[in-house]
Amino acid sequence: MVSEKLIKGGVEIQDETFILKVSKDHLQAVAVAKDARAGAALNLQLLAHELKEHGIVYGVLAQPEQLPDGSYLLARGEAPVPGQDAKVRLHVKPFMACSPKMKEGSKDQVDFRELGTIVNVAKDRLLLEKMPPTLGKAGKDVFGTGIPAKTGKDRKLKCGTGVYLSEDETKIFSKFDGKFLMADGKPSVCEEHVIKGDLDISVGNIAFGGTSLIIQGEVLPGFSAKCRGNIIIQKGVTNAFVMAGGNLTVVGSAVGEQTVLRAKGTVTVDFMENGAQVETASDLVVNDYIVQCKALVGKDLVVKGKEKGVVIGGNYIVGGSMFAKELGAENEITTTVSVGVIPSLQTKKQELDSELQLWSDRLNEIIKNISTLEKMRKDLGSGFPADKAVLLQKYTAAMPKAMERVNLLTEQTKAMEEDLEQMVNENVYVYGKLYPGVVVNIGSVTRVTTSEEEQCVAYYDRDTRQIFIRKMSRDERARFERL
């Protein structure tokens, strides 16, 4: 049992020359010289016996350490190390205010449009996990008695919306695709992102992986907005890029040659002008008018404005049919409409045509060179140069490959043309006026309108392989009202 004297006042040792004391925490034993015998030296052999006699058996120093106050440290225990509290490890860092990114390819120019204000995460992404508390490390005092360590504190993970907890309650995952943020200390994932105002330099370019992006203002020139799901823009787009993995709705205008609206779903816009472009795998619906724009539409193009519903100028390639109130203008502005054309198929056809032309030219060049070298060999006989002989051999070996490639591309092109020939069931429906100067393409056939027509349909006649214009039926007029 520990002597209380060692803790309170100490006990005399070394023939009453020193006082042996132990700290309150039992972690240090020291020898203090008595005033009357100051400067006396410790007898190490006697000291070892005396320490053991008083129960000091752990952490005894081989050589006492003299402390600044003149006393000697004789033994040092080992303090317990408390356990660490449970911690949270972030696997995805939420958005923090940061400096704008450098412009691509530049070391000294900052792009203030790239602020990276959204942290996108995929469904089932591990967001954070709890690192459990540790037990700590037990200590031992100078008497050899163990000192238990304090165990770290545990904590429970708190969840916000759009996340879920693992069965062992140590990990948090994203419930769906969206943006990751910390709100009130809780991790959350949101499927919707709302910008309360314009998409400008204060917001920067947006790339959102959730289901809905809502911009309550305008997308200003030079900026871009992308979303894996739907996008709604409430005050128009001017010379900016917008891409949606779902539907895209623009309330107001899409204006300017640098404006590009791209979507997999339906694109709906009030009006378009001045070179704006639309690319969609589905329908394009314009609520008022289109003037001098371009569109690549996978399904139908519908311009159904109650007041206007006009398409003037531009180029429109449509996989389905086109529906408009008025098409063209009195001053015969060129307006080109191609219906029944699947954009991806049309693009592939253009690529095939280009490649066929390239290989055909290459084959013709090979045949021409072979013919020239053969004539030279015949004329020169044994005097035919060796380098020309090698060149002739090279061209002769290359010709079968070129011929095979030309034949294959010719067959593919023919098959593609046959597919395009079948895509002639789509029409151009005009519910008001069709003006002269409109270029209508259906399949591989083209017609330029030369007279003004009203409530008419431009269609492809299979028997004559021509495009005709006829009056619209009552059912067709009723269909426009339902659009």
Protein backbone atom coordinates (compact mmCIF):
# COMPACT_ATOMS: atom_id res chain seq x y z
CA MET A 1 0.00 0.00 0.00
CA VAL A 2 1.29 3.45 -0.94
CA SER A 3 2.58 5.43 2.03
CA GLU A 4 0.68 8.71 2.43
CA LYS A 5 3.89 10.29 3.73
CA LEU A 6 5.51 9.90 0.28
CA ILE A 7 2.72 11.94 -1.24
CA LYS A 8 2.25 14.63 1.40
CA GLY A 9 5.56 15.48 3.00
CA GLY A 10 7.93 12.76 1.88
CA VAL A 11 10.18 10.40 3.86
CA GLU A 12 13.81 10.70 4.78
CA ILE A 13 16.38 8.58 2.96
CA GLN A 14 20.14 8.42 2.57
CA ASP A 15 20.77 8.72 6.33
CA GLU A 16 18.35 11.65 6.55
CA THR A 17 20.27 13.55 3.87
CA PHE A 18 17.39 13.61 1.33
CA ILE A 19 13.62 13.64 1.34
CA LEU A 20 11.94 11.13 -1.02
CA LYS A 21 8.67 12.45 -2.50
CA VAL A 22 6.12 11.09 -4.97
CA SER A 23 3.86 13.38 -7.07
CA LYS A 24 0.11 13.32 -6.51
CA ASP A 25 -0.43 11.50 -9.80
CA HIS A 26 2.17 8.89 -8.73
CA LEU A 27 4.09 9.45 -11.96
CA GLN A 28 7.28 10.94 -10.53
CA ALA A 29 9.57 10.14 -7.60
CA VAL A 30 12.13 12.81 -6.62
CA ALA A 31 14.78 13.27 -4.00
CA VAL A 32 15.15 16.69 -2.41
CA ALA A 33 18.24 17.52 -0.33
CA LYS A 34 17.51 18.66 3.23
CA ASP A 35 18.55 22.25 3.92
CA ALA A 36 21.13 21.29 6.54
CA ARG A 37 22.82 18.82 4.23
CA ALA A 38 22.65 20.72 0.93
CA GLY A 39 25.12 19.60 -1.72
CA ALA A 40 25.30 16.03 -0.44
CA ALA A 41 25.62 13.32 -3.12
CA LEU A 42 23.26 10.41 -3.59
CA ASN A 43 24.49 6.94 -2.80
CA LEU A 44 23.17 4.96 -5.76
CA GLN A 45 23.60 1.52 -4.17
CA LEU A 46 21.74 2.59 -1.06
CA LEU A 47 19.19 4.46 -3.19
CA ALA A 48 18.14 1.33 -5.09
CA HIS A 49 17.43 -0.45 -1.83
CA GLU A 50 15.52 2.50 -0.38
CA LEU A 51 13.32 2.95 -3.45
CA LYS A 52 12.39 -0.71 -3.41
CA GLU A 53 11.73 -0.53 0.31
CA HIS A 54 9.20 2.25 -0.30
CA GLY A 55 7.53 0.38 -3.18
CA ILE A 56 8.97 2.45 -6.05
CA VAL A 57 9.67 -0.24 -8.63
CA TYR A 58 8.64 1.12 -12.08
CA GLY A 59 10.42 3.63 -14.28
CA VAL A 60 13.46 3.84 -11.98
CA LEU A 61 16.21 5.78 -13.76
CA ALA A 62 19.66 4.22 -14.04
CA GLN A 63 21.09 7.64 -13.32
CA PRO A 64 19.09 10.27 -11.42
CA GLU A 65 18.35 13.46 -13.40
CA GLN A 66 19.04 16.76 -11.70
CA LEU A 67 16.13 19.11 -12.15
CA PRO A 68 16.32 22.92 -12.44
CA ASP A 69 15.22 23.36 -8.82
CA GLY A 70 18.13 21.24 -7.57
CA SER A 71 16.11 18.11 -6.83
CA TYR A 72 16.73 14.74 -8.48
CA LEU A 73 14.26 12.80 -10.58
CA LEU A 74 14.58 9.16 -9.49
CA ALA A 75 11.68 7.41 -11.27
CA ARG A 76 9.25 8.30 -14.00
CA GLY A 77 5.96 6.50 -14.56
CA GLU A 78 4.05 6.26 -17.83
CA ALA A 79 0.98 8.43 -18.15
CA PRO A 80 -2.09 6.89 -19.82
CA VAL A 81 -2.89 8.08 -23.35
CA PRO A 82 -6.61 8.84 -23.68
CA GLY A 83 -8.50 7.36 -26.60
CA GLN A 84 -9.42 9.56 -29.54
CA ASP A 85 -13.04 10.58 -30.00
CA ALA A 86 -14.90 9.24 -33.00
CA LYS A 87 -14.16 11.29 -36.12
CA VAL A 88 -15.88 11.84 -39.44
CA ARG A 89 -13.89 11.31 -42.61
CA LEU A 90 -15.18 13.07 -45.72
CA HIS A 91 -14.86 11.09 -48.95
CA VAL A 92 -16.36 13.97 -50.93
CA LYS A 93 -15.60 17.55 -49.99
CA PRO A 94 -18.61 19.85 -50.06
CA PHE A 95 -18.36 23.17 -51.88
CA MET A 96 -16.18 25.77 -50.23
CA ALA A 97 -15.62 29.28 -51.52
CA CYS A 98 -12.49 29.18 -53.65
CA SER A 99 -10.53 31.07 -56.25
CA PRO A 100 -11.67 30.87 -59.89
CA LYS A 101 -9.97 28.30 -62.11
CA MET A 102 -7.24 29.20 -64.56
CA LYS A 103 -8.22 29.37 -68.21
CA GLU A 104 -7.46 26.18 -70.09
CA GLY A 105 -4.03 26.40 -71.71
CA SER A 106 -3.10 29.55 -69.80
CA LYS A 107 -0.90 29.93 -66.73
CA ASP A 108 -1.72 33.53 -65.92
CA GLN A 109 -5.32 34.12 -67.03
CA VAL A 110 -8.18 33.42 -64.66
CA ASP A 111 -11.56 32.27 -66.00
CA PHE A 112 -14.05 33.90 -63.65
CA ARG A 113 -16.85 31.84 -65.20
CA GLU A 114 -15.46 28.60 -63.74
CA LEU A 115 -16.28 28.86 -60.03
CA GLY A 116 -17.08 25.18 -59.42
CA THR A 117 -19.97 26.00 -57.10
CA ILE A 118 -21.65 22.58 -57.38
CA VAL A 119 -20.24 19.33 -56.03
CA ASN A 120 -21.92 16.58 -58.08
CA VAL A 121 -22.20 13.05 -56.73
CA ALA A 122 -23.60 9.89 -58.27
CA LYS A 123 -26.18 7.61 -56.72
CA ASP A 124 -24.78 5.33 -53.97
CA ARG A 125 -21.58 7.39 -53.74
CA LEU A 126 -19.87 7.10 -50.34
CA LEU A 127 -19.96 10.62 -48.90
CA LEU A 128 -18.50 10.20 -45.43
CA GLU A 129 -17.83 7.61 -42.78
CA LYS A 130 -17.33 7.50 -39.04
CA MET A 131 -13.93 6.49 -37.69
CA PRO A 132 -14.70 4.72 -34.37
CA PRO A 133 -13.28 5.98 -31.05
CA THR A 134 -10.09 4.37 -29.79
CA LEU A 135 -9.54 2.75 -26.37
CA GLY A 136 -6.36 4.64 -25.61
CA LYS A 137 -3.21 3.28 -23.98
CA ALA A 138 -3.05 2.37 -20.28
CA GLY A 139 -0.23 3.85 -18.16
CA LYS A 140 1.67 2.72 -15.06
CA ASP A 141 2.77 4.70 -11.99
CA VAL A 142 6.14 4.48 -10.20
CA PHE A 143 4.67 1.87 -7.82
CA GLY A 144 3.96 -0.43 -10.79
CA THR A 145 0.21 0.05 -10.58
CA GLY A 146 -1.64 0.23 -13.90
CA ILE A 147 -3.51 3.43 -14.78
CA PRO A 148 -6.48 2.84 -17.09
CA ALA A 149 -6.85 5.06 -20.16
CA LYS A 150 -9.98 7.07 -20.88
CA THR A 151 -11.85 5.71 -23.92
CA GLY A 152 -12.67 8.22 -26.66
CA LYS A 153 -16.23 9.44 -27.01
CA ASP A 154 -18.46 7.92 -29.65
CA ARG A 155 -20.83 9.93 -31.84
CA LYS A 156 -23.79 9.22 -34.08
CA LEU A 157 -23.85 10.24 -37.72
CA LYS A 158 -26.62 12.66 -38.62
CA CYS A 159 -28.29 12.50 -42.02
CA GLY A 160 -29.93 15.23 -44.04
CA THR A 161 -32.15 14.69 -47.08
CA GLY A 162 -31.20 12.60 -50.08
CA VAL A 163 -28.77 10.30 -48.24
CA TYR A 164 -28.93 6.97 -46.43
CA LEU A 165 -27.02 5.31 -43.59
CA SER A 166 -25.29 1.95 -43.83
CA GLU A 167 -26.57 -0.94 -41.69
CA ASP A 168 -23.70 -0.56 -39.24
CA GLU A 169 -24.42 3.21 -39.07
CA THR A 170 -20.83 4.12 -39.91
CA LYS A 171 -21.20 5.30 -43.52
CA ILE A 172 -23.46 7.74 -45.38
CA PHE A 173 -24.23 7.30 -49.08
CA SER A 174 -25.97 9.39 -51.73
CA LYS A 175 -29.55 8.25 -52.38
CA PHE A 176 -29.52 9.56 -55.98
CA ASP A 177 -27.55 11.69 -58.45
CA GLY A 178 -27.39 15.30 -57.31
CA LYS A 179 -25.38 17.97 -55.52
CA PHE A 180 -23.67 17.30 -52.20
CA LEU A 181 -23.74 19.89 -49.45
CA MET A 182 -23.53 20.19 -45.68
CA ALA A 183 -26.54 21.90 -44.13
CA ASP A 184 -26.67 22.42 -40.35
CA GLY A 185 -23.86 19.92 -39.99
CA LYS A 186 -25.79 17.22 -41.85
CA PRO A 187 -24.82 15.81 -45.24
CA SER A 188 -27.50 16.20 -47.89
CA VAL A 189 -27.89 15.47 -51.60
CA CYS A 190 -30.33 17.56 -53.63
CA GLU A 191 -31.82 16.52 -56.97
CA GLU A 192 -32.77 20.11 -57.76
CA HIS A 193 -30.57 23.18 -58.06
CA VAL A 194 -32.10 26.65 -58.21
CA ILE A 195 -30.30 29.84 -59.26
CA LYS A 196 -32.24 32.81 -57.95
CA GLY A 197 -31.32 35.27 -60.64
CA ASP A 198 -29.21 35.43 -63.78
CA LEU A 199 -26.47 32.98 -64.68
CA ASP A 200 -23.65 35.51 -64.67
CA ILE A 201 -20.17 36.07 -63.27
CA SER A 202 -21.46 35.89 -59.70
CA VAL A 203 -22.64 32.32 -60.32
CA GLY A 204 -20.28 31.06 -63.01
CA ASN A 205 -20.80 28.17 -65.39
CA ILE A 206 -23.07 25.43 -64.05
CA ALA A 207 -22.67 21.68 -64.49
CA PHE A 208 -25.28 19.85 -62.39
CA GLY A 209 -25.68 16.09 -62.11
CA GLY A 210 -29.20 16.11 -60.61
CA THR A 211 -32.65 15.83 -62.14
CA SER A 212 -33.62 19.50 -62.33
CA LEU A 213 -31.82 22.82 -62.84
CA ILE A 214 -33.93 25.97 -62.53
CA ILE A 215 -32.49 29.37 -63.51
CA GLN A 216 -34.89 32.08 -62.43
CA GLY A 217 -33.18 34.72 -64.54
CA GLU A 218 -31.34 34.82 -67.88
CA VAL A 219 -28.28 32.90 -69.10
CA LEU A 220 -25.97 35.75 -70.11
CA PRO A 221 -23.48 35.78 -73.01
CA GLY A 222 -20.44 33.54 -72.70
CA PHE A 223 -21.80 31.32 -69.93
CA SER A 224 -22.95 27.71 -69.99
CA ALA A 225 -25.47 25.61 -68.10
CA LYS A 226 -25.47 21.82 -68.16
CA CYS A 227 -27.69 19.37 -66.32
CA ARG A 228 -28.07 15.61 -66.47
CA GLY A 229 -31.81 16.05 -66.04
CA ASN A 230 -34.26 18.84 -67.00
CA ILE A 231 -33.47 22.56 -67.28
CA ILE A 232 -35.89 25.46 -66.92
CA ILE A 233 -34.67 28.98 -67.77
CA GLN A 234 -37.18 31.65 -66.89
CA LYS A 235 -35.81 34.74 -68.67
CA GLY A 236 -34.15 33.63 -71.88
CA VAL A 237 -30.73 32.77 -73.29
CA THR A 238 -28.38 35.13 -75.14
CA ASN A 239 -25.23 33.87 -76.87
CA ALA A 240 -24.77 31.07 -74.32
CA PHE A 241 -24.57 27.28 -74.27
CA VAL A 242 -27.24 25.15 -72.56
CA MET A 243 -27.30 21.33 -72.49
CA ALA A 244 -29.88 19.11 -70.83
CA GLY A 245 -29.97 15.34 -70.48
CA GLY A 246 -33.76 15.60 -70.22
CA ASN A 247 -36.17 18.34 -71.32
CA LEU A 248 -35.12 21.96 -71.82
CA THR A 249 -37.58 24.83 -71.36
CA VAL A 250 -36.71 28.46 -72.12
CA VAL A 251 -39.26 31.07 -71.12
CA GLY A 252 -38.55 34.05 -73.35
CA SER A 253 -36.01 34.16 -76.14
CA ALA A 254 -33.05 32.22 -77.46
CA VAL A 255 -31.03 34.85 -79.30
CA GLY A 256 -27.65 35.13 -81.01
CA GLU A 257 -25.32 33.12 -83.22
CA GLN A 258 -23.42 31.82 -80.19
CA THR A 259 -26.59 30.44 -78.59
CA VAL A 260 -26.77 26.64 -78.60
CA LEU A 261 -29.62 24.72 -76.97
CA ARG A 262 -28.95 20.99 -76.80
CA ALA A 263 -31.13 18.30 -75.18
CA LYS A 264 -32.04 14.64 -75.29
CA GLY A 265 -35.64 15.45 -74.44
CA THR A 266 -38.12 18.03 -75.71
CA VAL A 267 -36.90 21.61 -76.19
CA THR A 268 -39.55 24.28 -75.59
CA VAL A 269 -38.79 27.96 -76.21
CA ASP A 270 -40.99 31.02 -76.65
CA PHE A 271 -39.12 32.44 -79.65
CA MET A 272 -35.77 32.15 -81.44
CA GLU A 273 -33.88 34.60 -83.64
CA ASN A 274 -30.54 35.84 -84.97
CA GLY A 275 -28.78 32.54 -85.57
CA ALA A 276 -29.64 30.58 -82.44
CA GLN A 277 -29.16 26.81 -82.79
CA VAL A 278 -31.13 23.90 -81.35
CA GLU A 279 -30.16 20.23 -81.26
CA THR A 280 -32.58 17.73 -79.75
CA ALA A 281 -33.20 14.01 -80.00
CA SER A 282 -36.91 14.65 -79.36
CA ASP A 283 -39.36 17.47 -80.27
CA LEU A 284 -38.73 21.18 -80.66
CA VAL A 285 -41.74 23.29 -79.63
CA VAL A 286 -41.66 27.04 -80.29
CA ASN A 287 -44.49 29.05 -78.78
CA ASP A 288 -44.21 32.15 -80.96
CA TYR A 289 -41.73 32.41 -83.86
CA ILE A 290 -38.35 31.47 -85.35
CA VAL A 291 -36.32 33.89 -87.45
CA GLN A 292 -33.05 32.92 -89.16
CA CYS A 293 -32.07 30.03 -86.90
CA LYS A 294 -30.88 26.44 -87.22
CA ALA A 295 -32.36 23.29 -85.74
CA LEU A 296 -31.50 19.60 -85.75
CA VAL A 297 -34.62 17.84 -84.44
CA GLY A 298 -34.98 14.11 -83.83
CA LYS A 299 -38.79 14.10 -83.88
CA ASP A 300 -41.31 16.88 -84.68
CA LEU A 301 -40.80 20.64 -85.01
CA VAL A 302 -43.90 22.52 -83.84
CA VAL A 303 -44.26 26.32 -84.10
CA LYS A 304 -47.69 26.95 -82.70
CA GLY A 305 -47.93 30.58 -81.57
CA LYS A 306 -51.47 31.89 -81.28
CA GLU A 307 -50.38 35.31 -82.57
CA LYS A 308 -47.53 34.40 -84.92
CA GLY A 309 -46.34 30.80 -85.17
CA VAL A 310 -43.98 31.92 -87.92
CA VAL A 311 -40.77 30.39 -89.32
CA ILE A 312 -38.73 32.84 -91.41
CA GLY A 313 -35.30 31.99 -92.81
CA GLY A 314 -32.81 29.47 -91.50
CA ASN A 315 -32.23 25.75 -91.88
CA TYR A 316 -34.25 23.06 -90.10
CA ILE A 317 -33.51 19.33 -90.28
CA VAL A 318 -36.34 17.34 -88.73
CA GLY A 319 -36.64 13.61 -88.13
CA GLY A 320 -40.43 13.81 -87.91
CA SER A 321 -42.84 16.31 -89.44
CA MET A 322 -42.95 20.09 -89.25
CA PHE A 323 -45.99 22.02 -88.05
CA ALA A 324 -46.13 25.82 -88.43
CA LYS A 325 -48.72 28.56 -88.76
CA GLU A 326 -46.68 30.43 -91.35
CA LEU A 327 -43.57 29.30 -93.25
CA GLY A 328 -41.33 31.73 -95.15
CA ALA A 329 -41.94 35.42 -95.84
CA GLU A 330 -43.41 37.71 -98.50
CA ASN A 331 -39.94 38.87 -99.56
CA GLU A 332 -39.01 35.23 -100.26
CA ILE A 333 -36.31 34.87 -97.60
CA THR A 334 -34.72 31.45 -98.11
CA THR A 335 -36.09 29.03 -95.55
CA THR A 336 -34.91 25.41 -95.80
CA VAL A 337 -36.88 22.59 -94.22
CA SER A 338 -35.86 18.91 -94.36
CA VAL A 339 -38.31 16.44 -92.83
CA GLY A 340 -38.17 12.70 -92.39
CA VAL A 341 -34.44 12.94 -91.81
CA ILE A 342 -32.96 11.30 -88.74
CA PRO A 343 -30.02 13.63 -87.98
CA SER A 344 -27.69 10.84 -86.89
CA LEU A 345 -28.45 8.87 -90.09
CA GLN A 346 -27.96 11.96 -92.21
CA THR A 347 -24.62 12.66 -90.55
CA LYS A 348 -23.51 9.09 -91.09
CA LYS A 349 -24.52 9.33 -94.77
CA GLN A 350 -22.40 12.47 -95.17
CA GLU A 351 -19.45 10.74 -93.53
CA LEU A 352 -19.85 7.71 -95.84
CA ASP A 353 -20.02 9.96 -98.91
CA SER A 354 -16.88 11.77 -97.83
CA GLU A 355 -14.96 8.55 -97.13
CA LEU A 356 -16.13 6.97 -100.41
CA GLN A 357 -14.92 10.01 -102.34
CA LEU A 358 -11.55 9.85 -100.57
CA TRP A 359 -10.99 6.14 -101.32
CA SER A 360 -12.26 6.49 -104.89
CA ASP A 361 -9.74 9.26 -105.54
CA ARG A 362 -7.03 7.15 -103.92
CA LEU A 363 -7.91 4.11 -106.07
CA ASN A 364 -7.92 6.20 -109.25
CA GLU A 365 -4.49 7.59 -108.33
CA ILE A 366 -3.12 4.06 -107.72
CA ILE A 367 -4.47 2.80 -111.07
CA LYS A 368 -3.03 5.82 -112.87
CA ASN A 369 0.41 5.34 -111.28
CA ILE A 370 0.43 1.59 -112.07
CA SER A 371 -0.47 2.30 -115.70
CA THR A 372 2.33 4.88 -116.02
CA LEU A 373 4.96 2.62 -114.44
CA GLU A 374 3.90 -0.43 -116.50
CA LYS A 375 4.33 1.59 -119.72
CA MET A 376 7.73 2.80 -118.52
CA ARG A 377 8.85 -0.77 -117.77
CA LYS A 378 7.70 -1.95 -121.18
CA ASP A 379 9.55 0.88 -122.96
CA LEU A 380 12.80 0.59 -120.94
CA GLY A 381 12.98 -3.18 -120.64
CA SER A 382 16.09 -4.15 -118.63
CA GLY A 383 16.86 -0.47 -118.11
CA PHE A 384 13.80 -0.01 -115.86
CA PRO A 385 15.13 1.68 -112.66
CA ALA A 386 15.14 -0.42 -109.47
CA ASP A 387 13.45 2.30 -107.40
CA LYS A 388 10.61 2.46 -109.95
CA ALA A 389 10.27 -1.32 -109.75
CA VAL A 390 9.88 -1.09 -105.96
CA LEU A 391 7.29 1.67 -106.38
CA LEU A 392 5.34 -0.40 -108.93
CA GLN A 393 5.33 -3.35 -106.52
CA LYS A 394 4.04 -1.09 -103.74
CA TYR A 395 1.16 0.28 -105.85
CA THR A 396 0.26 -3.20 -107.13
CA ALA A 397 0.05 -4.50 -103.54
CA ALA A 398 -2.08 -1.52 -102.43
CA MET A 399 -4.66 -1.74 -105.24
CA PRO A 400 -6.67 -4.77 -103.95
CA LYS A 401 -7.07 -3.16 -100.53
CA ALA A 402 -8.26 0.11 -102.08
CA MET A 403 -10.69 -1.70 -104.38
CA GLU A 404 -12.08 -3.71 -101.46
CA ARG A 405 -12.59 -0.54 -99.44
CA VAL A 406 -14.32 1.27 -102.31
CA ASN A 407 -16.64 -1.69 -102.92
CA LEU A 408 -17.55 -1.91 -99.22
CA LEU A 409 -18.26 1.82 -98.93
CA THR A 410 -20.30 1.73 -102.15
CA GLU A 411 -22.49 -1.05 -100.72
CA GLN A 412 -22.91 0.80 -97.42
CA THR A 413 -23.80 4.04 -99.20
CA LYS A 414 -26.38 2.24 -101.36
CA ALA A 415 -27.94 0.62 -98.28
CA MET A 416 -28.02 3.99 -96.54
CA GLU A 417 -29.74 5.61 -99.53
CA GLU A 418 -32.35 2.86 -99.47
CA ASP A 419 -32.96 3.58 -95.78
CA LEU A 420 -33.29 7.29 -96.53
CA GLU A 421 -35.73 6.51 -99.33
CA GLN A 422 -38.02 4.89 -96.79
CA MET A 423 -38.03 8.04 -94.67
CA VAL A 424 -40.54 9.88 -96.80
CA ASN A 425 -43.67 9.51 -94.71
CA GLU A 426 -43.18 12.81 -92.87
CA ASN A 427 -44.80 16.04 -94.09
CA VAL A 428 -44.65 19.81 -93.74
CA TYR A 429 -47.94 21.17 -92.36
CA VAL A 430 -48.67 24.90 -92.76
CA TYR A 431 -51.86 26.08 -91.06
CA GLY A 432 -51.67 29.65 -92.30
CA LYS A 433 -49.56 30.79 -95.25
CA LEU A 434 -46.75 29.03 -97.09
CA TYR A 435 -44.71 31.67 -98.95
CA PRO A 436 -42.60 31.36 -102.12
CA GLY A 437 -38.89 30.67 -101.69
CA VAL A 438 -39.22 27.90 -99.11
CA VAL A 439 -36.96 24.92 -99.82
CA VAL A 440 -38.62 21.65 -98.81
CA ASN A 441 -36.61 18.42 -98.64
CA ILE A 442 -38.33 15.08 -98.07
CA GLY A 443 -36.06 12.06 -98.32
CA SER A 444 -33.70 12.76 -101.20
CA VAL A 445 -36.15 14.98 -103.12
CA THR A 446 -36.20 18.80 -103.08
CA ARG A 447 -38.86 21.32 -104.01
CA VAL A 448 -38.72 25.12 -103.91
CA THR A 449 -42.13 26.77 -103.47
CA THR A 450 -42.99 29.32 -106.14
CA SER A 451 -46.44 30.48 -105.10
CA GLU A 452 -48.27 31.42 -101.96
CA GLU A 453 -50.43 28.67 -100.46
CA GLU A 454 -52.79 28.55 -97.49
CA GLN A 455 -53.60 25.71 -95.09
CA CYS A 456 -51.56 23.22 -97.04
CA VAL A 457 -49.37 20.12 -96.71
CA ALA A 458 -46.11 19.45 -98.53
CA TYR A 459 -45.76 15.68 -98.99
CA TYR A 460 -43.78 13.08 -100.94
CA ASP A 461 -45.55 11.14 -103.67
CA ARG A 462 -44.04 7.66 -104.00
CA ASP A 463 -45.41 7.02 -107.49
CA THR A 464 -43.91 10.09 -109.10
CA ARG A 465 -41.04 10.46 -106.59
CA GLN A 466 -41.86 14.17 -106.29
CA ILE A 467 -42.96 16.59 -103.61
CA PHE A 468 -46.46 17.99 -104.03
CA ILE A 469 -48.49 20.56 -102.12
CA ARG A 470 -52.13 19.88 -101.35
CA LYS A 471 -54.90 21.43 -99.27
CA MET A 472 -55.10 20.41 -95.64
CA SER A 473 -57.89 18.16 -94.48
CA ARG A 474 -60.30 18.98 -91.65
CA ASP A 475 -58.70 16.34 -89.43
CA GLU A 476 -55.27 17.80 -90.10
CA ARG A 477 -56.46 21.27 -89.15
CA ALA A 478 -57.93 19.87 -85.95
CA ARG A 479 -54.65 18.15 -85.16
CA PHE A 480 -52.85 21.51 -85.05
CA GLU A 481 -55.31 22.76 -82.46
CA ARG A 482 -54.39 19.79 -80.25
CA LEU A 483 -50.65 20.37 -80.48
